[in-house]
């Protein structure tokens, strides 16, 4: 819902919603890859924990999306 803060929620189609969700997931994947590159630095342990948290969140978002898509197909 954060990605719909522009007020378009009332007029958005399901296709557009999932298009925005896919774009959001891609941006998160890019951020995770960039953060992984810093895991070897002085704060590597903390960064590693944060990256694992983000990966878990991404898995949850993808699972929620799959459930939403499946329920819309029904």
PDB file of N, CA and C in Angstrom:
ATOM      1  N   UNK A   1       0.820  -1.191   0.000  1.00  0.00           N
ATOM      2  CA  UNK A   1       0.000   0.000   0.000  1.00  0.00           C
ATOM      3  C   UNK A   1       0.868   1.261   0.000  1.00  0.00           C
ATOM      4  N   UNK A   2       2.082   1.149   0.512  1.00  0.00           N
ATOM      5  CA  UNK A   2       2.959   2.316   0.523  1.00  0.00           C
ATOM      6  C   UNK A   2       3.220   2.831  -0.886  1.00  0.00           C
ATOM      7  N   UNK A   3       3.279   1.930  -1.847  1.00  0.00           N
ATOM      8  CA  UNK A   3       3.603   2.366  -3.205  1.00  0.00           C
ATOM      9  C   UNK A   3       2.423   3.050  -3.880  1.00  0.00           C
ATOM     10  N   UNK A   4       1.258   3.087  -3.227  1.00  0.00           N
ATOM     11  CA  UNK A   4       0.078   3.714  -3.792  1.00  0.00           C
ATOM     12  C   UNK A   4      -0.259   5.027  -3.100  1.00  0.00           C
ATOM     13  N   UNK A   5       0.711   5.611  -2.418  1.00  0.00           N
ATOM     14  CA  UNK A   5       0.471   6.857  -1.688  1.00  0.00           C
ATOM     15  C   UNK A   5       0.130   8.030  -2.581  1.00  0.00           C
ATOM     16  N   UNK A   6       0.223   7.875  -3.875  1.00  0.00           N
ATOM     17  CA  UNK A   6      -0.041   8.996  -4.775  1.00  0.00           C
ATOM     18  C   UNK A   6      -1.534   9.248  -4.970  1.00  0.00           C
ATOM     19  N   UNK A   7      -2.383   8.544  -4.219  1.00  0.00           N
ATOM     20  CA  UNK A   7      -3.813   8.766  -4.298  1.00  0.00           C
ATOM     21  C   UNK A   7      -4.506   8.000  -5.410  1.00  0.00           C
ATOM     22  N   UNK A   8      -3.780   7.137  -6.094  1.00  0.00           N
ATOM     23  CA  UNK A   8      -4.347   6.411  -7.235  1.00  0.00           C
ATOM     24  C   UNK A   8      -5.081   5.142  -6.826  1.00  0.00           C
ATOM     25  N   UNK A   9      -5.168   4.874  -5.554  1.00  0.00           N
ATOM     26  CA  UNK A   9      -5.759   3.614  -5.098  1.00  0.00           C
ATOM     27  C   UNK A   9      -7.186   3.436  -5.596  1.00  0.00           C
ATOM     28  N   UNK A  10      -7.950   4.487  -5.661  1.00  0.00           N
ATOM     29  CA  UNK A  10      -9.342   4.367  -6.073  1.00  0.00           C
ATOM     30  C   UNK A  10      -9.499   4.058  -7.558  1.00  0.00           C
ATOM     31  N   UNK A  11      -8.500   4.398  -8.363  1.00  0.00           N
ATOM     32  CA  UNK A  11      -8.634   4.277  -9.815  1.00  0.00           C
ATOM     33  C   UNK A  11      -7.660   3.281 -10.433  1.00  0.00           C
ATOM     34  N   UNK A  12      -6.999   2.494  -9.644  1.00  0.00           N
ATOM     35  CA  UNK A  12      -5.974   1.597 -10.170  1.00  0.00           C
ATOM     36  C   UNK A  12      -6.588   0.246 -10.548  1.00  0.00           C
ATOM     37  N   UNK A  13      -6.076  -0.329 -11.629  1.00  0.00           N
ATOM     38  CA  UNK A  13      -6.520  -1.667 -12.027  1.00  0.00           C
ATOM     39  C   UNK A  13      -5.642  -2.700 -11.329  1.00  0.00           C
ATOM     40  N   UNK A  14      -6.104  -3.943 -11.310  1.00  0.00           N
ATOM     41  CA  UNK A  14      -5.291  -5.004 -10.721  1.00  0.00           C
ATOM     42  C   UNK A  14      -3.979  -5.159 -11.487  1.00  0.00           C
ATOM     43  N   UNK A  15      -4.036  -5.047 -12.793  1.00  0.00           N
ATOM     44  CA  UNK A  15      -2.815  -5.169 -13.602  1.00  0.00           C
ATOM     45  C   UNK A  15      -1.799  -4.109 -13.216  1.00  0.00           C
ATOM     46  N   UNK A  16      -2.249  -2.869 -13.055  1.00  0.00           N
ATOM     47  CA  UNK A  16      -1.348  -1.790 -12.660  1.00  0.00           C
ATOM     48  C   UNK A  16      -0.818  -2.003 -11.250  1.00  0.00           C
ATOM     49  N   UNK A  17      -1.670  -2.475 -10.360  1.00  0.00           N
ATOM     50  CA  UNK A  17      -1.221  -2.748  -8.999  1.00  0.00           C
ATOM     51  C   UNK A  17      -0.085  -3.766  -9.004  1.00  0.00           C
ATOM     52  N   UNK A  18      -0.268  -4.877  -9.732  1.00  0.00           N
ATOM     53  CA  UNK A  18       0.767  -5.911  -9.746  1.00  0.00           C
ATOM     54  C   UNK A  18       2.004  -5.448 -10.509  1.00  0.00           C
ATOM     55  N   UNK A  19       1.831  -4.574 -11.484  1.00  0.00           N
ATOM     56  CA  UNK A  19       2.984  -4.006 -12.183  1.00  0.00           C
ATOM     57  C   UNK A  19       3.820  -3.180 -11.208  1.00  0.00           C
ATOM     58  N   UNK A  20       3.134  -2.364 -10.404  1.00  0.00           N
ATOM     59  CA  UNK A  20       3.848  -1.567  -9.391  1.00  0.00           C
ATOM     60  C   UNK A  20       4.491  -2.465  -8.341  1.00  0.00           C
ATOM     61  N   UNK A  21       3.808  -3.530  -7.956  1.00  0.00           N
ATOM     62  CA  UNK A  21       4.364  -4.457  -6.968  1.00  0.00           C
ATOM     63  C   UNK A  21       5.624  -5.113  -7.513  1.00  0.00           C
ATOM     64  N   UNK A  22       5.608  -5.509  -8.778  1.00  0.00           N
ATOM     65  CA  UNK A  22       6.796  -6.118  -9.390  1.00  0.00           C
ATOM     66  C   UNK A  22       7.961  -5.137  -9.420  1.00  0.00           C
ATOM     67  N   UNK A  23       7.670  -3.888  -9.765  1.00  0.00           N
ATOM     68  CA  UNK A  23       8.717  -2.859  -9.793  1.00  0.00           C
ATOM     69  C   UNK A  23       9.290  -2.656  -8.400  1.00  0.00           C
ATOM     70  N   UNK A  24       8.430  -2.651  -7.387  1.00  0.00           N
ATOM     71  CA  UNK A  24       8.868  -2.487  -6.010  1.00  0.00           C
ATOM     72  C   UNK A  24       9.766  -3.651  -5.587  1.00  0.00           C
ATOM     73  N   UNK A  25       9.382  -4.867  -5.957  1.00  0.00           N
ATOM     74  CA  UNK A  25      10.194  -6.041  -5.600  1.00  0.00           C
ATOM     75  C   UNK A  25      11.553  -5.983  -6.280  1.00  0.00           C
ATOM     76  N   UNK A  26      11.583  -5.557  -7.539  1.00  0.00           N
ATOM     77  CA  UNK A  26      12.858  -5.437  -8.246  1.00  0.00           C
ATOM     78  C   UNK A  26      13.763  -4.418  -7.566  1.00  0.00           C
ATOM     79  N   UNK A  27      13.200  -3.310  -7.133  1.00  0.00           N
ATOM     80  CA  UNK A  27      13.992  -2.284  -6.444  1.00  0.00           C
ATOM     81  C   UNK A  27      14.555  -2.836  -5.136  1.00  0.00           C
ATOM     82  N   UNK A  28      13.758  -3.626  -4.421  1.00  0.00           N
ATOM     83  CA  UNK A  28      14.236  -4.234  -3.173  1.00  0.00           C
ATOM     84  C   UNK A  28      15.367  -5.225  -3.457  1.00  0.00           C
ATOM     85  N   UNK A  29      15.241  -6.004  -4.526  1.00  0.00           N
ATOM     86  CA  UNK A  29      16.287  -6.956  -4.889  1.00  0.00           C
ATOM     87  C   UNK A  29      17.598  -6.241  -5.199  1.00  0.00           C
ATOM     88  N   UNK A  30      17.522  -5.117  -5.901  1.00  0.00           N
ATOM     89  CA  UNK A  30      18.714  -4.324  -6.217  1.00  0.00           C
ATOM     90  C   UNK A  30      19.350  -3.806  -4.929  1.00  0.00           C
ATOM     91  N   UNK A  31      18.531  -3.295  -4.018  1.00  0.00           N
ATOM     92  CA  UNK A  31      19.043  -2.787  -2.747  1.00  0.00           C
ATOM     93  C   UNK A  31      19.725  -3.899  -1.950  1.00  0.00           C
ATOM     94  N   UNK A  32      19.128  -5.071  -1.926  1.00  0.00           N
ATOM     95  CA  UNK A  32      19.732  -6.200  -1.200  1.00  0.00           C
ATOM     96  C   UNK A  32      21.091  -6.544  -1.800  1.00  0.00           C
ATOM     97  N   UNK A  33      21.189  -6.566  -3.130  1.00  0.00           N
ATOM     98  CA  UNK A  33      22.485  -6.873  -3.762  1.00  0.00           C
ATOM     99  C   UNK A  33      23.527  -5.822  -3.403  1.00  0.00           C
ATOM    100  N   UNK A  34      23.125  -4.551  -3.386  1.00  0.00           N
ATOM    101  CA  UNK A  34      24.069  -3.482  -3.034  1.00  0.00           C
ATOM    102  C   UNK A  34      24.518  -3.617  -1.582  1.00  0.00           C
ATOM    103  N   UNK A  35      23.587  -3.937  -0.693  1.00  0.00           N
ATOM    104  CA  UNK A  35      23.937  -4.094   0.719  1.00  0.00           C
ATOM    105  C   UNK A  35      24.869  -5.283   0.931  1.00  0.00           C
ATOM    106  N   UNK A  36      24.642  -6.354   0.201  1.00  0.00           N
ATOM    107  CA  UNK A  36      25.511  -7.533   0.336  1.00  0.00           C
ATOM    108  C   UNK A  36      26.959  -7.190   0.045  1.00  0.00           C
ATOM    109  N   UNK A  37      27.172  -6.254  -0.864  1.00  0.00           N
ATOM    110  CA  UNK A  37      28.534  -5.846  -1.216  1.00  0.00           C
ATOM    111  C   UNK A  37      29.242  -5.184  -0.041  1.00  0.00           C
ATOM    112  N   UNK A  38      28.495  -4.677   0.926  1.00  0.00           N
ATOM    113  CA  UNK A  38      29.112  -4.000   2.076  1.00  0.00           C
ATOM    114  C   UNK A  38      29.248  -4.919   3.286  1.00  0.00           C
ATOM    115  N   UNK A  39      28.836  -6.165   3.155  1.00  0.00           N
ATOM    116  CA  UNK A  39      28.895  -7.088   4.298  1.00  0.00           C
ATOM    117  C   UNK A  39      30.313  -7.353   4.775  1.00  0.00           C
ATOM    118  N   UNK A  40      31.302  -7.100   3.945  1.00  0.00           N
ATOM    119  CA  UNK A  40      32.679  -7.377   4.341  1.00  0.00           C
ATOM    120  C   UNK A  40      33.319  -6.213   5.073  1.00  0.00           C
ATOM    121  N   UNK A  41      32.618  -5.087   5.175  1.00  0.00           N
ATOM    122  CA  UNK A  41      33.160  -3.904   5.833  1.00  0.00           C
ATOM    123  C   UNK A  41      33.149  -4.032   7.348  1.00  0.00           C
ATOM    124  N   UNK A  42      33.446  -2.929   8.024  1.00  0.00           N
ATOM    125  CA  UNK A  42      33.525  -2.950   9.491  1.00  0.00           C
ATOM    126  C   UNK A  42      32.188  -3.268  10.169  1.00  0.00           C
ATOM    127  N   UNK A  43      31.097  -3.039   9.493  1.00  0.00           N
ATOM    128  CA  UNK A  43      29.781  -3.330  10.054  1.00  0.00           C
ATOM    129  C   UNK A  43      29.150  -4.539   9.372  1.00  0.00           C
ATOM    130  N   UNK A  44      29.976  -5.421   8.898  1.00  0.00           N
ATOM    131  CA  UNK A  44      29.524  -6.573   8.131  1.00  0.00           C
ATOM    132  C   UNK A  44      28.487  -7.432   8.835  1.00  0.00           C
ATOM    133  N   UNK A  45      28.675  -7.681  10.114  1.00  0.00           N
ATOM    134  CA  UNK A  45      27.733  -8.531  10.843  1.00  0.00           C
ATOM    135  C   UNK A  45      26.344  -7.883  10.907  1.00  0.00           C
ATOM    136  N   UNK A  46      26.316  -6.587  11.224  1.00  0.00           N
ATOM    137  CA  UNK A  46      25.033  -5.884  11.299  1.00  0.00           C
ATOM    138  C   UNK A  46      24.367  -5.815   9.922  1.00  0.00           C
ATOM    139  N   UNK A  47      25.160  -5.546   8.898  1.00  0.00           N
ATOM    140  CA  UNK A  47      24.624  -5.482   7.536  1.00  0.00           C
ATOM    141  C   UNK A  47      24.075  -6.843   7.139  1.00  0.00           C
ATOM    142  N   UNK A  48      24.791  -7.911   7.482  1.00  0.00           N
ATOM    143  CA  UNK A  48      24.337  -9.261   7.170  1.00  0.00           C
ATOM    144  C   UNK A  48      22.990  -9.565   7.799  1.00  0.00           C
ATOM    145  N   UNK A  49      22.817  -9.160   9.046  1.00  0.00           N
ATOM    146  CA  UNK A  49      21.531  -9.378   9.725  1.00  0.00           C
ATOM    147  C   UNK A  49      20.425  -8.584   9.038  1.00  0.00           C
ATOM    148  N   UNK A  50      20.734  -7.356   8.668  1.00  0.00           N
ATOM    149  CA  UNK A  50      19.739  -6.518   7.997  1.00  0.00           C
ATOM    150  C   UNK A  50      19.368  -7.104   6.632  1.00  0.00           C
ATOM    151  N   UNK A  51      20.362  -7.601   5.904  1.00  0.00           N
ATOM    152  CA  UNK A  51      20.102  -8.207   4.594  1.00  0.00           C
ATOM    153  C   UNK A  51      19.208  -9.431   4.755  1.00  0.00           C
ATOM    154  N   UNK A  52      19.474 -10.255   5.748  1.00  0.00           N
ATOM    155  CA  UNK A  52      18.630 -11.431   5.982  1.00  0.00           C
ATOM    156  C   UNK A  52      17.203 -11.025   6.339  1.00  0.00           C
ATOM    157  N   UNK A  53      17.053  -9.959   7.111  1.00  0.00           N
ATOM    158  CA  UNK A  53      15.727  -9.445   7.437  1.00  0.00           C
ATOM    159  C   UNK A  53      15.007  -8.974   6.174  1.00  0.00           C
ATOM    160  N   UNK A  54      15.707  -8.252   5.309  1.00  0.00           N
ATOM    161  CA  UNK A  54      15.101  -7.780   4.063  1.00  0.00           C
ATOM    162  C   UNK A  54      14.723  -8.945   3.151  1.00  0.00           C
ATOM    163  N   UNK A  55      15.567  -9.968   3.112  1.00  0.00           N
ATOM    164  CA  UNK A  55      15.255 -11.144   2.292  1.00  0.00           C
ATOM    165  C   UNK A  55      14.006 -11.855   2.804  1.00  0.00           C
ATOM    166  N   UNK A  56      13.894 -11.952   4.108  1.00  0.00           N
ATOM    167  CA  UNK A  56      12.702 -12.570   4.701  1.00  0.00           C
ATOM    168  C   UNK A  56      11.463 -11.751   4.379  1.00  0.00           C
ATOM    169  N   UNK A  57      11.590 -10.444   4.479  1.00  0.00           N
ATOM    170  CA  UNK A  57      10.470  -9.564   4.142  1.00  0.00           C
ATOM    171  C   UNK A  57      10.085  -9.737   2.673  1.00  0.00           C
ATOM    172  N   UNK A  58      11.069  -9.822   1.799  1.00  0.00           N
ATOM    173  CA  UNK A  58      10.800 -10.024   0.381  1.00  0.00           C
ATOM    174  C   UNK A  58      10.052 -11.338   0.138  1.00  0.00           C
ATOM    175  N   UNK A  59      10.460 -12.382   0.827  1.00  0.00           N
ATOM    176  CA  UNK A  59       9.766 -13.668   0.691  1.00  0.00           C
ATOM    177  C   UNK A  59       8.309 -13.531   1.117  1.00  0.00           C
ATOM    178  N   UNK A  60       8.060 -12.810   2.205  1.00  0.00           N
ATOM    179  CA  UNK A  60       6.701 -12.607   2.687  1.00  0.00           C
ATOM    180  C   UNK A  60       5.880 -11.814   1.667  1.00  0.00           C
ATOM    181  N   UNK A  61       6.472 -10.747   1.115  1.00  0.00           N
ATOM    182  CA  UNK A  61       5.775  -9.926   0.118  1.00  0.00           C
ATOM    183  C   UNK A  61       5.431 -10.769  -1.101  1.00  0.00           C
ATOM    184  N   UNK A  62       6.368 -11.596  -1.546  1.00  0.00           N
ATOM    185  CA  UNK A  62       6.116 -12.447  -2.718  1.00  0.00           C
ATOM    186  C   UNK A  62       5.020 -13.477  -2.418  1.00  0.00           C
ATOM    187  N   UNK A  63       5.009 -14.020  -1.210  1.00  0.00           N
ATOM    188  CA  UNK A  63       3.974 -14.987  -0.841  1.00  0.00           C
ATOM    189  C   UNK A  63       2.603 -14.315  -0.783  1.00  0.00           C
ATOM    190  N   UNK A  64       2.541 -13.124  -0.200  1.00  0.00           N
ATOM    191  CA  UNK A  64       1.285 -12.380  -0.142  1.00  0.00           C
ATOM    192  C   UNK A  64       0.775 -12.060  -1.547  1.00  0.00           C
ATOM    193  N   UNK A  65       1.698 -11.705  -2.417  1.00  0.00           N
ATOM    194  CA  UNK A  65       1.301 -11.404  -3.793  1.00  0.00           C
ATOM    195  C   UNK A  65       0.749 -12.655  -4.484  1.00  0.00           C
ATOM    196  N   UNK A  66       1.388 -13.783  -4.275  1.00  0.00           N
ATOM    197  CA  UNK A  66       0.919 -15.030  -4.879  1.00  0.00           C
ATOM    198  C   UNK A  66      -0.489 -15.376  -4.401  1.00  0.00           C
ATOM    199  N   UNK A  67      -0.736 -15.189  -3.119  1.00  0.00           N
ATOM    200  CA  UNK A  67      -2.068 -15.450  -2.572  1.00  0.00           C
ATOM    201  C   UNK A  67      -3.079 -14.484  -3.178  1.00  0.00           C
ATOM    202  N   UNK A  68      -2.721 -13.219  -3.294  1.00  0.00           N
ATOM    203  CA  UNK A  68      -3.627 -12.223  -3.880  1.00  0.00           C
ATOM    204  C   UNK A  68      -3.943 -12.548  -5.329  1.00  0.00           C
ATOM    205  N   UNK A  69      -2.923 -12.908  -6.087  1.00  0.00           N
ATOM    206  CA  UNK A  69      -3.143 -13.248  -7.502  1.00  0.00           C
ATOM    207  C   UNK A  69      -4.052 -14.473  -7.614  1.00  0.00           C
ATOM    208  N   UNK A  70      -3.791 -15.479  -6.772  1.00  0.00           N
ATOM    209  CA  UNK A  70      -4.591 -16.697  -6.823  1.00  0.00           C
ATOM    210  C   UNK A  70      -6.052 -16.405  -6.459  1.00  0.00           C
ATOM    211  N   UNK A  71      -6.269 -15.574  -5.459  1.00  0.00           N
ATOM    212  CA  UNK A  71      -7.655 -15.279  -5.074  1.00  0.00           C
ATOM    213  C   UNK A  71      -8.365 -14.458  -6.144  1.00  0.00           C
ATOM    214  N   UNK A  72      -7.621 -13.618  -6.869  1.00  0.00           N
ATOM    215  CA  UNK A  72      -8.240 -12.853  -7.948  1.00  0.00           C
ATOM    216  C   UNK A  72      -8.606 -13.759  -9.129  1.00  0.00           C
ATOM    217  N   UNK A  73      -7.818 -14.793  -9.344  1.00  0.00           N
ATOM    218  CA  UNK A  73      -8.100 -15.714 -10.441  1.00  0.00           C
ATOM    219  C   UNK A  73      -9.368 -16.523 -10.174  1.00  0.00           C
ATOM    220  N   UNK A  74      -9.641 -16.768  -8.892  1.00  0.00           N
ATOM    221  CA  UNK A  74     -10.836 -17.528  -8.519  1.00  0.00           C
ATOM    222  C   UNK A  74     -12.024 -16.659  -8.742  1.00  0.00           C
TER     223      UNK A  74
END
